[in-house]
Amino acid sequence: MSGRRALATAAVAALIVVMTGAPAFAAPAPTPTPAVADVPDGLFLELTPSTVEAGYIVGIRASCTKADDEPPEDNDTATVESTAFDDVVVEPQFGHLTGAVTIPADTRARAYRVVLDCPGFLAGSAEATLNVLNDSQPSRGPATGFGGTAGDDNSTLVLTGGMTALAAGLVLAVVTLRRRRTA
């Protein structure tokens, strides 16, 4: 009787492992939440996104105030220049200078220097880098092995194989116990 009980306990434990392990295997991994960096007070130039395909829009946020100005609020327009696009005038909005520019579709893929020219004598400037990508899509890697590169989701195949192996093990255990009794 203790052999049957041990065999039944092992079978139930294996079944629990297979059944609870499958949903964890099939569920997608959670994606981390990106952290938001604080924008410094004073002179700055921020491009959103800083990496963009040619033909898409880039948001510009800037400031020409000094860090010790109280309150640090921009009231005059400024100019943003780059060889990636024509000059853009950024306007005061919500205490900062804002604007947007469309990167021309024929812009070459590379990194471009973007400069904020603040108005006034000795007012200063700020710089940022804009990375422009071309519109070609990368080729897909080879579908080798059983993993993320394989392309198809084989979780049902793995679950079915595990259940089949478990059933075969139980049948083999029952046959072995019956042979011991008759011998």
Protein backbone atom coordinates (compact mmCIF):
# COMPACT_ATOMS: atom_id res chain seq x y z
CA MET A 1 0.00 0.00 0.00
CA SER A 2 2.84 2.43 0.73
CA GLY A 3 4.26 1.85 -2.78
CA ARG A 4 0.96 2.90 -4.35
CA ARG A 5 0.71 5.91 -2.09
CA ALA A 6 4.27 7.00 -2.93
CA LEU A 7 3.60 6.48 -6.63
CA ALA A 8 0.34 8.47 -6.48
CA THR A 9 2.06 11.27 -4.54
CA ALA A 10 4.86 11.43 -7.11
CA ALA A 11 2.34 11.49 -9.98
CA VAL A 12 0.30 14.29 -8.38
CA ALA A 13 3.48 16.29 -7.68
CA ALA A 14 4.64 15.87 -11.29
CA LEU A 15 1.23 16.90 -12.57
CA ILE A 16 1.25 20.03 -10.38
CA VAL A 17 4.75 20.96 -11.62
CA VAL A 18 3.71 20.54 -15.27
CA MET A 19 0.41 22.41 -14.89
CA THR A 20 1.79 25.36 -12.91
CA GLY A 21 4.98 25.65 -14.96
CA ALA A 22 3.19 25.99 -18.33
CA PRO A 23 1.43 29.34 -17.69
CA ALA A 24 4.69 30.88 -16.50
CA PHE A 25 6.38 29.64 -19.67
CA ALA A 26 3.62 30.98 -21.92
CA ALA A 27 3.23 34.41 -20.27
CA PRO A 28 5.24 37.28 -21.78
CA ALA A 29 7.89 38.92 -19.65
CA PRO A 30 6.86 42.28 -18.15
CA THR A 31 8.47 45.33 -19.71
CA PRO A 32 10.25 47.75 -17.37
CA THR A 33 8.86 51.26 -16.99
CA PRO A 34 11.31 53.84 -18.32
CA ALA A 35 12.58 56.40 -15.83
CA VAL A 36 11.92 60.07 -16.51
CA ALA A 37 15.00 62.26 -16.19
CA ASP A 38 14.63 65.75 -14.72
CA VAL A 39 15.37 68.65 -17.04
CA PRO A 40 17.93 71.03 -15.51
CA ASP A 41 17.17 74.68 -14.79
CA GLY A 42 19.00 77.19 -16.95
CA LEU A 43 20.31 76.79 -20.49
CA PHE A 44 19.33 73.47 -22.09
CA LEU A 45 18.14 71.87 -25.35
CA GLU A 46 16.09 68.67 -25.37
CA LEU A 47 15.04 66.69 -28.49
CA THR A 48 12.21 64.18 -28.32
CA PRO A 49 12.98 61.63 -29.69
CA SER A 50 16.72 62.06 -30.07
CA THR A 51 16.83 59.17 -32.56
CA VAL A 52 14.35 59.39 -35.43
CA GLU A 53 13.80 58.15 -38.98
CA ALA A 54 14.03 60.68 -41.79
CA GLY A 55 10.55 62.06 -42.56
CA TYR A 56 9.33 62.07 -38.96
CA ILE A 57 8.73 64.88 -36.44
CA VAL A 58 11.09 65.83 -33.59
CA GLY A 59 9.83 67.82 -30.60
CA ILE A 60 12.07 70.57 -29.24
CA ARG A 61 12.09 71.84 -25.66
CA ALA A 62 14.65 74.43 -24.61
CA SER A 63 15.44 77.23 -22.22
CA CYS A 64 17.58 80.37 -22.51
CA THR A 65 17.29 81.44 -18.87
CA LYS A 66 20.13 81.37 -16.40
CA ALA A 67 19.90 78.85 -13.58
CA ASP A 68 19.78 81.60 -10.95
CA ASP A 69 16.87 83.50 -12.57
CA GLU A 70 13.80 83.61 -10.30
CA PRO A 71 11.47 82.37 -11.68
CA PRO A 72 13.34 80.70 -14.57
CA GLU A 73 10.86 81.52 -17.34
CA ASP A 74 11.53 82.14 -21.04
CA ASN A 75 9.69 85.10 -22.58
CA ASP A 76 11.59 85.60 -25.87
CA THR A 77 11.81 83.39 -28.94
CA ALA A 78 15.06 81.64 -29.88
CA THR A 79 16.44 79.79 -32.91
CA VAL A 80 17.42 76.14 -33.19
CA GLU A 81 19.85 75.31 -36.01
CA SER A 82 21.10 72.08 -37.57
CA THR A 83 22.24 70.70 -40.90
CA ALA A 84 19.57 68.00 -40.49
CA PHE A 85 16.76 70.56 -40.94
CA ASP A 86 16.12 74.24 -41.64
CA ASP A 87 16.33 76.77 -38.80
CA VAL A 88 13.41 76.54 -36.38
CA VAL A 89 12.08 79.32 -34.16
CA VAL A 90 11.04 78.03 -30.73
CA GLU A 91 8.30 79.95 -28.93
CA PRO A 92 7.70 80.51 -25.20
CA GLN A 93 5.11 78.11 -23.81
CA PHE A 94 4.61 76.92 -20.20
CA GLY A 95 7.80 78.64 -19.02
CA HIS A 96 10.07 77.04 -21.63
CA LEU A 97 10.72 77.34 -25.37
CA THR A 98 8.95 74.70 -27.45
CA GLY A 99 8.68 73.77 -31.09
CA ALA A 100 8.66 70.90 -33.55
CA VAL A 101 10.37 70.15 -36.84
CA THR A 102 9.92 67.48 -39.49
CA ILE A 103 13.18 65.89 -40.57
CA PRO A 104 13.21 65.96 -44.41
CA ALA A 105 12.78 62.52 -45.98
CA ASP A 106 16.03 62.83 -47.96
CA THR A 107 18.19 63.47 -44.85
CA ARG A 108 21.18 61.13 -44.68
CA ALA A 109 21.41 58.68 -41.79
CA ARG A 110 23.99 59.90 -39.25
CA ALA A 111 24.37 61.96 -36.07
CA TYR A 112 23.70 65.72 -36.41
CA ARG A 113 24.68 68.55 -34.08
CA VAL A 114 21.73 70.73 -33.05
CA VAL A 115 22.40 74.17 -31.54
CA LEU A 116 20.08 76.49 -29.60
CA ASP A 117 21.00 80.17 -30.18
CA CYS A 118 19.60 82.34 -27.43
CA PRO A 119 18.77 85.99 -28.20
CA GLY A 120 20.74 88.88 -26.76
CA PHE A 121 24.38 89.80 -26.49
CA LEU A 122 26.36 87.07 -24.64
CA ALA A 123 23.14 85.14 -23.94
CA GLY A 124 24.69 81.74 -24.68
CA SER A 125 23.76 78.57 -26.47
CA ALA A 126 23.11 74.89 -25.82
CA GLU A 127 23.77 71.78 -27.92
CA ALA A 128 22.24 68.36 -28.44
CA THR A 129 22.76 65.45 -30.84
CA LEU A 130 20.07 64.21 -33.23
CA ASN A 131 20.51 60.71 -34.64
CA VAL A 132 18.75 60.24 -37.98
CA LEU A 133 18.10 56.71 -39.25
CA ASN A 134 17.29 55.64 -42.76
CA ASP A 135 13.97 53.99 -43.52
CA SER A 136 15.34 50.53 -44.41
CA GLN A 137 14.31 47.76 -42.07
CA PRO A 138 16.96 45.38 -40.72
CA SER A 139 16.85 41.82 -41.99
CA ARG A 140 15.42 39.22 -39.69
CA GLY A 141 17.92 36.93 -38.02
CA PRO A 142 17.97 33.18 -38.60
CA ALA A 143 15.29 31.11 -36.89
CA THR A 144 17.63 28.71 -35.10
CA GLY A 145 16.93 26.77 -31.97
CA PHE A 146 14.01 26.78 -29.58
CA GLY A 147 13.84 30.31 -28.26
CA GLY A 148 12.84 33.85 -29.07
CA THR A 149 14.47 33.67 -32.49
CA ALA A 150 12.46 30.63 -33.58
CA GLY A 151 9.42 32.73 -34.44
CA ASP A 152 6.61 30.33 -33.50
CA ASP A 153 5.20 29.82 -30.02
CA ASN A 154 5.68 26.13 -29.17
CA SER A 155 4.33 26.24 -25.61
CA THR A 156 1.36 23.97 -26.45
CA LEU A 157 3.74 21.45 -28.00
CA VAL A 158 5.91 21.48 -24.86
CA LEU A 159 2.87 21.10 -22.60
CA THR A 160 1.47 18.23 -24.69
CA GLY A 161 4.85 16.47 -24.70
CA GLY A 162 5.17 16.87 -20.94
CA MET A 163 1.70 15.49 -20.32
CA THR A 164 2.40 12.54 -22.67
CA ALA A 165 5.67 11.76 -20.87
CA LEU A 166 3.89 11.96 -17.51
CA ALA A 167 1.13 9.59 -18.67
CA ALA A 168 3.70 7.14 -20.08
CA GLY A 169 5.55 7.21 -16.75
CA LEU A 170 2.35 6.47 -14.83
CA VAL A 171 1.46 3.55 -17.13
CA LEU A 172 4.98 2.14 -16.77
CA ALA A 173 4.78 2.45 -12.97
CA VAL A 174 1.41 0.65 -12.83
CA VAL A 175 2.68 -2.18 -15.07
CA THR A 176 5.81 -2.54 -12.92
CA LEU A 177 3.75 -2.75 -9.70
CA ARG A 178 1.42 -5.39 -11.16
CA ARG A 179 4.35 -7.53 -12.27
CA ARG A 180 5.81 -7.45 -8.76
CA ARG A 181 2.52 -8.69 -7.27
CA THR A 182 2.15 -11.61 -9.67
CA ALA A 183 5.76 -12.77 -9.29
